[in-house]
């Protein structure tokens, strides 16, 4: 079985209702994983929705183009933007004010739930959530609201959500925030590199036989 087959098998193991964390443990980019995940989602009949925090989608799509990937799918993908300045994809909602967490989450839920109702099943790919914690004051109220929002969608079978997270950006002082999100997640996949070899390791899964699965490419 090829590496590509193994990766598709890994994505195929994910279920509607899950919240999945794909944690990049080094400073390498995630544009290839994003491209692969979007292609897989479409092949399975999902409507793909990007949640783009602070222009993360623009950055990854620009790097993907520079790397020579076929990026036509990026331009037509539906996007909810949270902060940022650069329009990329088909932006269906843009929440520009990040200063008031209650308003931010209220506007997000309104746009997201409308999209779920009209487009289920949805593969939600969230990019750059860690930036919300490192670019603003981390207040207990903000953390509580963010965790409550994540918890609310666990088990919602209208969607499968995958968060692409760059763990090193949080630093040790914010590591506890990632730990809190990990506690909510149903599946955690850690991605690292050893020279030119990439490694995907499932460290948490609702399927016991998947835990410990390691794919090297």
N, C-alpha and C. Protein backbone atom coordinates (compact mmCIF):
# COMPACT_ATOMS: atom_id res chain seq x y z
N UNK A 1 0.85 -1.19 0.00
CA UNK A 1 0.00 0.00 0.00
C UNK A 1 0.88 1.24 0.00
N UNK A 2 0.59 2.20 -0.88
CA UNK A 2 1.40 3.41 -0.97
C UNK A 2 1.11 4.36 0.19
N UNK A 3 2.00 5.35 0.35
CA UNK A 3 1.78 6.36 1.39
C UNK A 3 0.49 7.12 1.16
N UNK A 4 0.21 7.43 -0.12
CA UNK A 4 -1.04 8.12 -0.44
C UNK A 4 -2.25 7.31 -0.04
N UNK A 5 -2.19 5.99 -0.28
CA UNK A 5 -3.29 5.11 0.11
C UNK A 5 -3.47 5.10 1.63
N UNK A 6 -2.35 5.08 2.35
CA UNK A 6 -2.42 5.08 3.82
C UNK A 6 -3.02 6.37 4.35
N UNK A 7 -2.66 7.50 3.73
CA UNK A 7 -3.21 8.78 4.17
C UNK A 7 -4.71 8.83 3.90
N UNK A 8 -5.13 8.35 2.72
CA UNK A 8 -6.57 8.33 2.42
C UNK A 8 -7.31 7.42 3.41
N UNK A 9 -6.67 6.32 3.77
CA UNK A 9 -7.27 5.42 4.74
C UNK A 9 -7.41 6.11 6.10
N UNK A 10 -6.41 6.92 6.45
CA UNK A 10 -6.47 7.68 7.70
C UNK A 10 -7.62 8.68 7.67
N UNK A 11 -7.73 9.45 6.57
CA UNK A 11 -8.84 10.41 6.46
C UNK A 11 -10.18 9.67 6.45
N UNK A 12 -10.23 8.52 5.77
CA UNK A 12 -11.47 7.76 5.69
C UNK A 12 -11.94 7.28 7.06
N UNK A 13 -11.03 7.14 7.99
CA UNK A 13 -11.39 6.65 9.33
C UNK A 13 -12.11 7.71 10.16
N UNK A 14 -12.03 8.98 9.73
CA UNK A 14 -12.68 10.05 10.47
C UNK A 14 -14.18 10.03 10.22
N UNK A 15 -14.95 10.44 11.24
CA UNK A 15 -16.39 10.36 11.16
C UNK A 15 -17.04 11.73 11.31
N UNK A 16 -18.23 11.85 10.73
CA UNK A 16 -19.03 13.04 11.00
C UNK A 16 -19.25 13.16 12.51
N UNK A 17 -19.18 14.38 13.00
CA UNK A 17 -19.33 14.63 14.43
C UNK A 17 -18.01 14.80 15.16
N UNK A 18 -16.90 14.48 14.49
CA UNK A 18 -15.59 14.59 15.15
C UNK A 18 -15.02 16.00 15.09
N UNK A 19 -14.15 16.28 16.06
CA UNK A 19 -13.25 17.44 16.01
C UNK A 19 -11.83 16.87 16.02
N UNK A 20 -11.11 17.13 14.96
CA UNK A 20 -9.79 16.54 14.73
C UNK A 20 -8.73 17.63 14.78
N UNK A 21 -7.67 17.38 15.51
CA UNK A 21 -6.52 18.28 15.52
C UNK A 21 -5.39 17.66 14.73
N UNK A 22 -4.88 18.39 13.74
CA UNK A 22 -3.67 17.99 13.04
C UNK A 22 -2.60 18.98 13.47
N UNK A 23 -1.74 18.56 14.37
CA UNK A 23 -0.77 19.45 15.01
C UNK A 23 0.59 19.33 14.32
N UNK A 24 1.01 20.41 13.72
CA UNK A 24 2.36 20.46 13.14
C UNK A 24 3.32 20.77 14.27
N UNK A 25 4.26 19.87 14.56
CA UNK A 25 5.13 20.01 15.72
C UNK A 25 6.42 20.74 15.41
N UNK A 26 6.66 21.06 14.13
CA UNK A 26 7.84 21.83 13.75
C UNK A 26 7.37 23.07 12.98
N UNK A 27 8.30 23.78 12.38
CA UNK A 27 7.95 25.04 11.73
C UNK A 27 7.68 24.90 10.24
N UNK A 28 7.61 23.67 9.75
CA UNK A 28 7.32 23.50 8.33
C UNK A 28 5.86 23.83 8.03
N UNK A 29 5.58 24.03 6.75
CA UNK A 29 4.25 24.51 6.35
C UNK A 29 3.25 23.37 6.20
N UNK A 30 1.95 23.76 6.14
CA UNK A 30 0.86 22.78 6.08
C UNK A 30 0.06 22.88 4.78
N UNK A 31 0.62 23.54 3.76
CA UNK A 31 -0.16 23.74 2.54
C UNK A 31 -0.43 22.42 1.80
N UNK A 32 0.53 21.51 1.84
CA UNK A 32 0.30 20.23 1.16
C UNK A 32 -0.81 19.44 1.85
N UNK A 33 -0.78 19.42 3.19
CA UNK A 33 -1.83 18.74 3.94
C UNK A 33 -3.19 19.36 3.69
N UNK A 34 -3.24 20.69 3.61
CA UNK A 34 -4.49 21.38 3.32
C UNK A 34 -5.02 20.98 1.95
N UNK A 35 -4.15 20.99 0.95
CA UNK A 35 -4.54 20.64 -0.41
C UNK A 35 -5.06 19.20 -0.46
N UNK A 36 -4.36 18.29 0.19
CA UNK A 36 -4.75 16.89 0.21
C UNK A 36 -6.09 16.69 0.91
N UNK A 37 -6.27 17.38 2.04
CA UNK A 37 -7.50 17.25 2.83
C UNK A 37 -8.71 17.79 2.07
N UNK A 38 -8.54 18.93 1.39
CA UNK A 38 -9.63 19.49 0.61
C UNK A 38 -10.01 18.56 -0.54
N UNK A 39 -9.02 18.01 -1.21
CA UNK A 39 -9.28 17.09 -2.32
C UNK A 39 -10.00 15.84 -1.84
N UNK A 40 -9.55 15.30 -0.71
CA UNK A 40 -10.20 14.13 -0.13
C UNK A 40 -11.66 14.43 0.22
N UNK A 41 -11.89 15.59 0.88
CA UNK A 41 -13.24 15.95 1.29
C UNK A 41 -14.20 16.03 0.12
N UNK A 42 -13.77 16.66 -0.95
CA UNK A 42 -14.62 16.78 -2.13
C UNK A 42 -14.91 15.41 -2.75
N UNK A 43 -13.89 14.54 -2.74
CA UNK A 43 -14.09 13.21 -3.33
C UNK A 43 -15.09 12.39 -2.53
N UNK A 44 -15.29 12.73 -1.26
CA UNK A 44 -16.21 12.01 -0.40
C UNK A 44 -17.59 12.67 -0.33
N UNK A 45 -17.77 13.74 -1.07
CA UNK A 45 -19.08 14.37 -1.12
C UNK A 45 -19.31 15.43 -0.07
N UNK A 46 -18.27 15.85 0.65
CA UNK A 46 -18.39 16.94 1.61
C UNK A 46 -18.43 18.29 0.89
N UNK A 47 -19.15 19.22 1.47
CA UNK A 47 -18.98 20.63 1.11
C UNK A 47 -17.85 21.16 1.98
N UNK A 48 -16.80 21.70 1.37
CA UNK A 48 -15.64 22.16 2.12
C UNK A 48 -15.82 23.62 2.52
N UNK A 49 -15.60 23.89 3.80
CA UNK A 49 -15.65 25.26 4.32
C UNK A 49 -14.35 25.54 5.07
N UNK A 50 -13.71 26.65 4.73
CA UNK A 50 -12.49 27.08 5.43
C UNK A 50 -12.86 28.13 6.47
N UNK A 51 -12.39 27.94 7.70
CA UNK A 51 -12.43 29.00 8.71
C UNK A 51 -11.03 29.59 8.75
N UNK A 52 -10.93 30.82 8.26
CA UNK A 52 -9.63 31.46 8.01
C UNK A 52 -9.35 32.52 9.07
N UNK A 53 -8.45 32.20 10.00
CA UNK A 53 -8.10 33.14 11.07
C UNK A 53 -6.87 33.94 10.66
N UNK A 54 -7.03 35.25 10.61
CA UNK A 54 -5.94 36.21 10.37
C UNK A 54 -5.13 35.83 9.11
N UNK A 55 -5.84 35.65 7.99
CA UNK A 55 -5.21 35.46 6.67
C UNK A 55 -4.38 34.19 6.54
N UNK A 56 -4.64 33.19 7.36
CA UNK A 56 -3.90 31.93 7.26
C UNK A 56 -4.14 31.24 5.93
N UNK A 57 -5.37 31.33 5.41
CA UNK A 57 -5.70 30.69 4.13
C UNK A 57 -4.92 31.34 2.99
N UNK A 58 -4.84 32.65 3.00
CA UNK A 58 -4.06 33.36 1.98
C UNK A 58 -2.60 32.93 2.00
N UNK A 59 -2.04 32.84 3.18
CA UNK A 59 -0.62 32.48 3.31
C UNK A 59 -0.38 31.07 2.77
N UNK A 60 -1.23 30.12 3.16
CA UNK A 60 -1.03 28.73 2.72
C UNK A 60 -1.28 28.55 1.23
N UNK A 61 -2.32 29.21 0.70
CA UNK A 61 -2.57 29.07 -0.74
C UNK A 61 -1.47 29.71 -1.56
N UNK A 62 -0.92 30.82 -1.09
CA UNK A 62 0.18 31.46 -1.81
C UNK A 62 1.41 30.56 -1.84
N UNK A 63 1.71 29.92 -0.72
CA UNK A 63 2.84 29.00 -0.67
C UNK A 63 2.60 27.76 -1.53
N UNK A 64 1.35 27.29 -1.55
CA UNK A 64 1.02 26.13 -2.39
C UNK A 64 1.25 26.44 -3.86
N UNK A 65 0.87 27.64 -4.28
CA UNK A 65 1.09 28.04 -5.68
C UNK A 65 2.59 28.12 -5.98
N UNK A 66 3.34 28.69 -5.06
CA UNK A 66 4.79 28.78 -5.26
C UNK A 66 5.42 27.38 -5.35
N UNK A 67 4.81 26.42 -4.64
CA UNK A 67 5.33 25.04 -4.66
C UNK A 67 4.88 24.26 -5.88
N UNK A 68 4.02 24.88 -6.71
CA UNK A 68 3.61 24.24 -7.95
C UNK A 68 2.39 23.36 -7.86
N UNK A 69 1.62 23.44 -6.77
CA UNK A 69 0.40 22.63 -6.65
C UNK A 69 -0.72 23.23 -7.48
N UNK A 70 -1.64 22.40 -7.92
CA UNK A 70 -2.83 22.86 -8.63
C UNK A 70 -3.77 23.47 -7.61
N UNK A 71 -3.95 24.78 -7.66
CA UNK A 71 -4.66 25.50 -6.61
C UNK A 71 -6.01 26.06 -7.05
N UNK A 72 -6.54 25.54 -8.15
CA UNK A 72 -7.81 26.05 -8.65
C UNK A 72 -8.92 25.89 -7.61
N UNK A 73 -8.87 24.79 -6.84
CA UNK A 73 -9.93 24.52 -5.86
C UNK A 73 -9.96 25.57 -4.76
N UNK A 74 -8.82 26.21 -4.47
CA UNK A 74 -8.78 27.22 -3.42
C UNK A 74 -9.67 28.42 -3.75
N UNK A 75 -9.71 28.80 -5.02
CA UNK A 75 -10.38 30.04 -5.42
C UNK A 75 -11.90 29.97 -5.27
N UNK A 76 -12.47 28.76 -5.32
CA UNK A 76 -13.92 28.61 -5.26
C UNK A 76 -14.42 28.09 -3.91
N UNK A 77 -13.50 27.83 -3.00
CA UNK A 77 -13.89 27.28 -1.69
C UNK A 77 -14.57 28.34 -0.84
N UNK A 78 -15.63 27.94 -0.13
CA UNK A 78 -16.32 28.85 0.78
C UNK A 78 -15.48 29.11 2.01
N UNK A 79 -15.51 30.36 2.48
CA UNK A 79 -14.62 30.78 3.57
C UNK A 79 -15.38 31.66 4.55
N UNK A 80 -15.20 31.40 5.84
CA UNK A 80 -15.56 32.36 6.88
C UNK A 80 -14.26 32.94 7.40
N UNK A 81 -14.10 34.25 7.25
CA UNK A 81 -12.87 34.90 7.69
C UNK A 81 -13.04 35.48 9.10
N UNK A 82 -12.01 35.28 9.91
CA UNK A 82 -11.96 35.85 11.26
C UNK A 82 -10.72 36.74 11.31
N UNK A 83 -10.95 38.05 11.27
CA UNK A 83 -9.82 38.98 11.20
C UNK A 83 -9.16 38.94 9.83
N UNK A 84 -7.98 39.56 9.77
CA UNK A 84 -7.23 39.57 8.52
C UNK A 84 -7.66 40.66 7.57
N UNK A 85 -6.93 40.73 6.44
CA UNK A 85 -7.16 41.80 5.47
C UNK A 85 -7.29 41.30 4.03
N UNK A 86 -6.87 40.06 3.77
CA UNK A 86 -6.78 39.59 2.39
C UNK A 86 -7.93 38.63 2.07
N UNK A 87 -8.69 38.93 1.03
CA UNK A 87 -9.79 38.07 0.60
C UNK A 87 -9.22 36.92 -0.23
N UNK A 88 -9.54 35.70 0.15
CA UNK A 88 -9.13 34.52 -0.60
C UNK A 88 -10.27 33.51 -0.56
N UNK A 89 -10.66 33.00 -1.72
CA UNK A 89 -11.78 32.09 -1.81
C UNK A 89 -13.10 32.84 -1.85
N UNK A 90 -14.20 32.09 -1.74
CA UNK A 90 -15.54 32.68 -1.75
C UNK A 90 -15.95 33.02 -0.32
N UNK A 91 -15.68 34.24 0.09
CA UNK A 91 -15.90 34.66 1.48
C UNK A 91 -17.40 34.87 1.71
N UNK A 92 -17.98 34.03 2.59
CA UNK A 92 -19.41 34.12 2.87
C UNK A 92 -19.70 34.94 4.12
N UNK A 93 -18.68 35.15 4.96
CA UNK A 93 -18.81 35.99 6.15
C UNK A 93 -17.42 36.44 6.55
N UNK A 94 -17.34 37.69 7.03
CA UNK A 94 -16.03 38.25 7.43
C UNK A 94 -16.23 38.97 8.76
N UNK A 95 -15.65 38.40 9.81
CA UNK A 95 -15.75 38.98 11.15
C UNK A 95 -14.45 39.72 11.42
N UNK A 96 -14.50 41.02 11.32
CA UNK A 96 -13.26 41.80 11.36
C UNK A 96 -12.87 42.24 12.77
N UNK A 97 -13.83 42.38 13.67
CA UNK A 97 -13.54 42.87 15.02
C UNK A 97 -13.28 41.69 15.95
N UNK A 98 -12.04 41.58 16.44
CA UNK A 98 -11.67 40.47 17.31
C UNK A 98 -11.59 40.89 18.77
N UNK A 99 -11.98 42.12 19.08
CA UNK A 99 -11.77 42.65 20.43
C UNK A 99 -12.81 42.17 21.44
N UNK A 100 -13.99 41.78 20.97
CA UNK A 100 -15.05 41.36 21.88
C UNK A 100 -15.43 39.91 21.58
N UNK A 101 -14.98 38.97 22.42
CA UNK A 101 -15.19 37.55 22.15
C UNK A 101 -16.67 37.16 22.02
N UNK A 102 -17.54 37.75 22.81
CA UNK A 102 -18.96 37.38 22.76
C UNK A 102 -19.54 37.71 21.39
N UNK A 103 -19.22 38.90 20.88
CA UNK A 103 -19.73 39.31 19.57
C UNK A 103 -19.11 38.46 18.47
N UNK A 104 -17.81 38.22 18.57
CA UNK A 104 -17.11 37.40 17.56
C UNK A 104 -17.76 36.03 17.45
N UNK A 105 -17.95 35.35 18.58
CA UNK A 105 -18.48 34.00 18.56
C UNK A 105 -19.94 33.99 18.12
N UNK A 106 -20.69 35.02 18.51
CA UNK A 106 -22.09 35.11 18.08
C UNK A 106 -22.20 35.25 16.57
N UNK A 107 -21.37 36.09 15.98
CA UNK A 107 -21.40 36.27 14.52
C UNK A 107 -20.92 35.01 13.81
N UNK A 108 -19.91 34.37 14.38
CA UNK A 108 -19.42 33.13 13.76
C UNK A 108 -20.50 32.06 13.76
N UNK A 109 -21.15 31.85 14.91
CA UNK A 109 -22.18 30.82 15.00
C UNK A 109 -23.32 31.08 14.03
N UNK A 110 -23.71 32.33 13.90
CA UNK A 110 -24.80 32.67 12.99
C UNK A 110 -24.46 32.27 11.55
N UNK A 111 -23.25 32.63 11.12
CA UNK A 111 -22.83 32.31 9.75
C UNK A 111 -22.60 30.81 9.58
N UNK A 112 -21.98 30.19 10.55
CA UNK A 112 -21.62 28.77 10.45
C UNK A 112 -22.85 27.88 10.46
N UNK A 113 -23.76 28.14 11.36
CA UNK A 113 -24.94 27.28 11.46
C UNK A 113 -25.85 27.43 10.24
N UNK A 114 -25.90 28.62 9.68
CA UNK A 114 -26.66 28.80 8.44
C UNK A 114 -26.03 27.97 7.31
N UNK A 115 -24.70 27.97 7.26
CA UNK A 115 -23.99 27.20 6.23
C UNK A 115 -24.22 25.71 6.43
N UNK A 116 -24.14 25.23 7.67
CA UNK A 116 -24.38 23.81 7.94
C UNK A 116 -25.78 23.39 7.50
N UNK A 117 -26.75 24.22 7.80
CA UNK A 117 -28.14 23.90 7.47
C UNK A 117 -28.33 23.76 5.96
N UNK A 118 -27.60 24.58 5.20
CA UNK A 118 -27.81 24.61 3.75
C UNK A 118 -26.89 23.68 2.98
N UNK A 119 -25.79 23.18 3.62
CA UNK A 119 -24.76 22.47 2.85
C UNK A 119 -24.29 21.15 3.44
N UNK A 120 -24.97 20.65 4.45
CA UNK A 120 -24.54 19.41 5.10
C UNK A 120 -24.46 18.24 4.09
N UNK A 121 -23.45 17.35 4.25
CA UNK A 121 -22.40 17.32 5.26
C UNK A 121 -21.24 18.25 4.90
N UNK A 122 -20.68 18.89 5.91
CA UNK A 122 -19.64 19.90 5.71
C UNK A 122 -18.32 19.43 6.31
N UNK A 123 -17.26 19.54 5.53
CA UNK A 123 -15.90 19.37 6.06
C UNK A 123 -15.39 20.77 6.38
N UNK A 124 -15.31 21.08 7.66
CA UNK A 124 -14.81 22.37 8.10
C UNK A 124 -13.32 22.25 8.37
N UNK A 125 -12.52 23.07 7.70
CA UNK A 125 -11.07 23.08 7.94
C UNK A 125 -10.72 24.43 8.55
N UNK A 126 -10.30 24.40 9.81
CA UNK A 126 -9.98 25.64 10.53
C UNK A 126 -8.48 25.87 10.50
N UNK A 127 -8.11 27.08 10.08
CA UNK A 127 -6.69 27.44 9.92
C UNK A 127 -6.34 28.60 10.83
N UNK A 128 -5.29 28.44 11.62
CA UNK A 128 -4.74 29.57 12.37
C UNK A 128 -5.42 29.90 13.68
N UNK A 129 -6.17 28.94 14.25
CA UNK A 129 -6.85 29.23 15.52
C UNK A 129 -5.85 29.63 16.60
N UNK A 130 -4.64 29.05 16.55
CA UNK A 130 -3.63 29.38 17.56
C UNK A 130 -3.26 30.86 17.53
N UNK A 131 -3.47 31.53 16.39
CA UNK A 131 -3.13 32.95 16.28
C UNK A 131 -4.01 33.82 17.17
N UNK A 132 -5.22 33.36 17.41
CA UNK A 132 -6.12 34.12 18.30
C UNK A 132 -5.54 34.24 19.69
N UNK A 133 -4.77 33.23 20.11
CA UNK A 133 -4.23 33.22 21.46
C UNK A 133 -2.91 33.98 21.58
N UNK A 134 -2.13 34.05 20.51
CA UNK A 134 -0.82 34.69 20.60
C UNK A 134 -0.82 36.14 20.13
N UNK A 135 -1.91 36.58 19.48
CA UNK A 135 -1.95 37.95 18.99
C UNK A 135 -2.87 38.83 19.83
N UNK A 136 -3.43 38.29 20.91
CA UNK A 136 -4.32 39.08 21.76
C UNK A 136 -4.15 38.62 23.20
N UNK A 137 -4.71 39.40 24.12
CA UNK A 137 -4.67 39.02 25.53
C UNK A 137 -5.51 37.77 25.74
N UNK A 138 -4.95 36.81 26.44
CA UNK A 138 -5.66 35.57 26.71
C UNK A 138 -6.41 35.72 28.03
N UNK A 139 -7.67 36.04 27.94
CA UNK A 139 -8.49 36.25 29.12
C UNK A 139 -9.30 34.99 29.42
N UNK A 140 -9.56 34.70 30.69
CA UNK A 140 -10.35 33.51 31.03
C UNK A 140 -11.70 33.48 30.30
N UNK A 141 -12.32 34.65 30.15
CA UNK A 141 -13.61 34.71 29.45
C UNK A 141 -13.46 34.25 28.01
N UNK A 142 -12.39 34.69 27.35
CA UNK A 142 -12.16 34.31 25.95
C UNK A 142 -11.93 32.81 25.82
N UNK A 143 -11.12 32.26 26.72
CA UNK A 143 -10.83 30.83 26.68
C UNK A 143 -12.11 30.03 26.91
N UNK A 144 -12.90 30.45 27.89
CA UNK A 144 -14.15 29.74 28.20
C UNK A 144 -15.08 29.73 26.99
N UNK A 145 -15.24 30.87 26.34
CA UNK A 145 -16.14 30.95 25.19
C UNK A 145 -15.65 30.09 24.03
N UNK A 146 -14.33 30.14 23.77
CA UNK A 146 -13.77 29.36 22.67
C UNK A 146 -13.95 27.86 22.91
N UNK A 147 -13.68 27.41 24.14
CA UNK A 147 -13.82 25.99 24.46
C UNK A 147 -15.29 25.56 24.43
N UNK A 148 -16.17 26.43 24.87
CA UNK A 148 -17.60 26.12 24.83
C UNK A 148 -18.08 25.96 23.39
N UNK A 149 -17.56 26.82 22.51
CA UNK A 149 -17.93 26.74 21.10
C UNK A 149 -17.48 25.42 20.49
N UNK A 150 -16.23 25.03 20.78
CA UNK A 150 -15.72 23.76 20.26
C UNK A 150 -16.54 22.59 20.79
N UNK A 151 -16.81 22.61 22.10
CA UNK A 151 -17.54 21.51 22.73
C UNK A 151 -18.94 21.36 22.14
N UNK A 152 -19.55 22.47 21.80
CA UNK A 152 -20.93 22.46 21.29
C UNK A 152 -21.07 21.62 20.03
N UNK A 153 -20.02 21.57 19.21
CA UNK A 153 -20.13 20.89 17.92
C UNK A 153 -19.62 19.45 17.93
N UNK A 154 -19.09 18.99 19.08
CA UNK A 154 -18.71 17.58 19.16
C UNK A 154 -19.97 16.72 19.04
N UNK A 155 -19.96 15.79 18.11
CA UNK A 155 -21.11 14.92 17.91
C UNK A 155 -22.14 15.45 16.93
N UNK A 156 -21.95 16.67 16.44
CA UNK A 156 -22.86 17.23 15.43
C UNK A 156 -22.56 16.56 14.09
N UNK A 157 -23.46 15.73 13.62
CA UNK A 157 -23.19 14.90 12.45
C UNK A 157 -23.48 15.61 11.13
N UNK A 158 -23.71 16.92 11.22
CA UNK A 158 -23.78 17.72 9.99
C UNK A 158 -22.39 18.10 9.51
N UNK A 159 -21.37 17.86 10.36
CA UNK A 159 -20.04 18.34 9.98
C UNK A 159 -18.92 17.49 10.59
N UNK A 160 -17.80 17.52 9.92
CA UNK A 160 -16.53 17.01 10.43
C UNK A 160 -15.58 18.20 10.42
N UNK A 161 -14.96 18.47 11.56
CA UNK A 161 -14.06 19.63 11.64
C UNK A 161 -12.62 19.18 11.84
N UNK A 162 -11.73 19.73 11.04
CA UNK A 162 -10.29 19.46 11.17
C UNK A 162 -9.58 20.79 11.40
N UNK A 163 -8.86 20.89 12.51
CA UNK A 163 -8.06 22.07 12.81
C UNK A 163 -6.61 21.80 12.42
N UNK A 164 -6.05 22.61 11.55
CA UNK A 164 -4.61 22.54 11.25
C UNK A 164 -3.92 23.55 12.14
N UNK A 165 -3.11 23.06 13.07
CA UNK A 165 -2.50 23.90 14.10
C UNK A 165 -0.98 23.78 14.05
N UNK A 166 -0.30 24.92 14.17
CA UNK A 166 1.16 24.91 14.29
C UNK A 166 1.50 25.09 15.77
N UNK A 167 1.78 23.99 16.43
CA UNK A 167 1.98 23.99 17.87
C UNK A 167 3.10 24.92 18.35
N UNK A 168 4.25 25.02 17.63
CA UNK A 168 5.33 25.86 18.13
C UNK A 168 4.96 27.34 18.26
N UNK A 169 3.96 27.80 17.52
CA UNK A 169 3.58 29.21 17.60
C UNK A 169 3.01 29.57 18.97
N UNK A 170 2.47 28.61 19.68
CA UNK A 170 1.88 28.90 20.98
C UNK A 170 2.94 29.12 22.05
N UNK A 171 4.07 28.44 21.95
CA UNK A 171 5.09 28.58 22.97
C UNK A 171 4.67 27.89 24.26
N UNK A 172 5.60 27.74 25.16
CA UNK A 172 5.33 27.04 26.41
C UNK A 172 4.31 27.78 27.27
N UNK A 173 4.29 29.12 27.19
CA UNK A 173 3.38 29.88 28.05
C UNK A 173 1.91 29.68 27.69
N UNK A 174 1.65 29.24 26.46
CA UNK A 174 0.28 29.01 26.03
C UNK A 174 0.00 27.53 25.75
N UNK A 175 0.91 26.67 26.15
CA UNK A 175 0.75 25.24 25.88
C UNK A 175 -0.52 24.69 26.53
N UNK A 176 -0.88 25.25 27.69
CA UNK A 176 -2.07 24.75 28.38
C UNK A 176 -3.33 24.94 27.55
N UNK A 177 -3.34 25.97 26.68
CA UNK A 177 -4.50 26.20 25.83
C UNK A 177 -4.67 25.06 24.82
N UNK A 178 -3.53 24.64 24.25
CA UNK A 178 -3.58 23.51 23.34
C UNK A 178 -4.03 22.25 24.07
N UNK A 179 -3.56 22.08 25.31
CA UNK A 179 -3.97 20.92 26.10
C UNK A 179 -5.48 20.90 26.31
N UNK A 180 -6.07 22.06 26.55
CA UNK A 180 -7.52 22.15 26.75
C UNK A 180 -8.28 21.77 25.47
N UNK A 181 -7.76 22.23 24.33
CA UNK A 181 -8.39 21.89 23.05
C UNK A 181 -8.22 20.39 22.77
N UNK A 182 -7.06 19.86 23.10
CA UNK A 182 -6.81 18.42 22.90
C UNK A 182 -7.78 17.57 23.71
N UNK A 183 -8.15 18.05 24.89
CA UNK A 183 -9.08 17.30 25.73
C UNK A 183 -10.45 17.18 25.06
N UNK A 184 -10.85 18.21 24.31
CA UNK A 184 -12.14 18.20 23.61
C UNK A 184 -12.08 17.37 22.34
N UNK A 185 -10.93 17.39 21.67
CA UNK A 185 -10.80 16.73 20.36
C UNK A 185 -11.08 15.23 20.46
N UNK A 186 -11.63 14.68 19.37
CA UNK A 186 -11.87 13.24 19.30
C UNK A 186 -10.69 12.50 18.68
N UNK A 187 -9.93 13.19 17.83
CA UNK A 187 -8.75 12.60 17.19
C UNK A 187 -7.64 13.64 17.17
N UNK A 188 -6.43 13.21 17.48
CA UNK A 188 -5.25 14.09 17.41
C UNK A 188 -4.20 13.40 16.56
N UNK A 189 -3.75 14.11 15.52
CA UNK A 189 -2.70 13.61 14.65
C UNK A 189 -1.53 14.57 14.74
N UNK A 190 -0.38 14.10 15.14
CA UNK A 190 0.81 14.95 15.25
C UNK A 190 1.71 14.72 14.04
N UNK A 191 2.13 15.82 13.44
CA UNK A 191 2.94 15.78 12.23
C UNK A 191 4.31 16.36 12.54
N UNK A 192 5.35 15.64 12.18
CA UNK A 192 6.71 16.13 12.39
C UNK A 192 7.55 15.68 11.21
N UNK A 193 8.78 16.15 11.17
CA UNK A 193 9.67 15.77 10.08
C UNK A 193 11.02 15.34 10.63
N UNK A 194 11.62 14.40 9.94
CA UNK A 194 12.94 13.89 10.29
C UNK A 194 13.75 13.93 9.00
N UNK A 195 14.48 15.03 8.82
CA UNK A 195 15.14 15.26 7.55
C UNK A 195 14.08 15.50 6.48
N UNK A 196 14.09 14.69 5.44
CA UNK A 196 13.11 14.84 4.35
C UNK A 196 11.92 13.90 4.52
N UNK A 197 11.88 13.20 5.64
CA UNK A 197 10.80 12.26 5.91
C UNK A 197 9.77 12.91 6.84
N UNK A 198 8.51 12.93 6.41
CA UNK A 198 7.44 13.42 7.26
C UNK A 198 6.79 12.27 8.01
N UNK A 199 6.33 12.54 9.21
CA UNK A 199 5.71 11.50 10.04
C UNK A 199 4.36 11.98 10.55
N UNK A 200 3.33 11.15 10.35
CA UNK A 200 1.99 11.40 10.87
C UNK A 200 1.71 10.34 11.93
N UNK A 201 1.43 10.78 13.16
CA UNK A 201 1.18 9.81 14.24
C UNK A 201 -0.15 10.13 14.91
N UNK A 202 -1.02 9.13 14.98
CA UNK A 202 -2.30 9.29 15.66
C UNK A 202 -2.08 9.03 17.15
N UNK A 203 -2.19 10.08 17.96
CA UNK A 203 -1.94 9.93 19.39
C UNK A 203 -3.23 9.85 20.20
N UNK A 204 -4.35 10.14 19.55
CA UNK A 204 -5.66 10.02 20.22
C UNK A 204 -6.70 9.74 19.14
N UNK A 205 -7.60 8.82 19.44
CA UNK A 205 -8.65 8.50 18.48
C UNK A 205 -9.82 7.85 19.21
N UNK A 206 -11.04 8.07 18.69
CA UNK A 206 -12.19 7.38 19.25
C UNK A 206 -12.20 5.91 18.82
N UNK A 207 -11.35 5.58 17.84
CA UNK A 207 -11.17 4.19 17.42
C UNK A 207 -9.86 3.67 18.01
N UNK A 208 -9.97 2.74 18.93
CA UNK A 208 -8.79 2.29 19.65
C UNK A 208 -7.73 1.71 18.73
N UNK A 209 -8.16 1.04 17.67
CA UNK A 209 -7.18 0.40 16.79
C UNK A 209 -6.41 1.41 15.96
N UNK A 210 -6.86 2.67 15.95
CA UNK A 210 -6.15 3.71 15.20
C UNK A 210 -5.07 4.38 16.03
N UNK A 211 -5.19 4.34 17.35
CA UNK A 211 -4.21 5.00 18.21
C UNK A 211 -2.84 4.36 18.04
N UNK A 212 -1.84 5.21 17.88
CA UNK A 212 -0.48 4.72 17.67
C UNK A 212 -0.11 4.52 16.23
N UNK A 213 -1.11 4.60 15.32
CA UNK A 213 -0.82 4.46 13.90
C UNK A 213 0.18 5.53 13.46
N UNK A 214 1.22 5.12 12.78
CA UNK A 214 2.25 6.04 12.30
C UNK A 214 2.46 5.83 10.81
N UNK A 215 2.41 6.95 10.07
CA UNK A 215 2.64 6.92 8.62
C UNK A 215 3.86 7.80 8.33
N UNK A 216 4.82 7.26 7.60
CA UNK A 216 6.01 8.03 7.23
C UNK A 216 6.05 8.19 5.72
N UNK A 217 6.37 9.42 5.28
CA UNK A 217 6.38 9.69 3.84
C UNK A 217 7.56 10.60 3.50
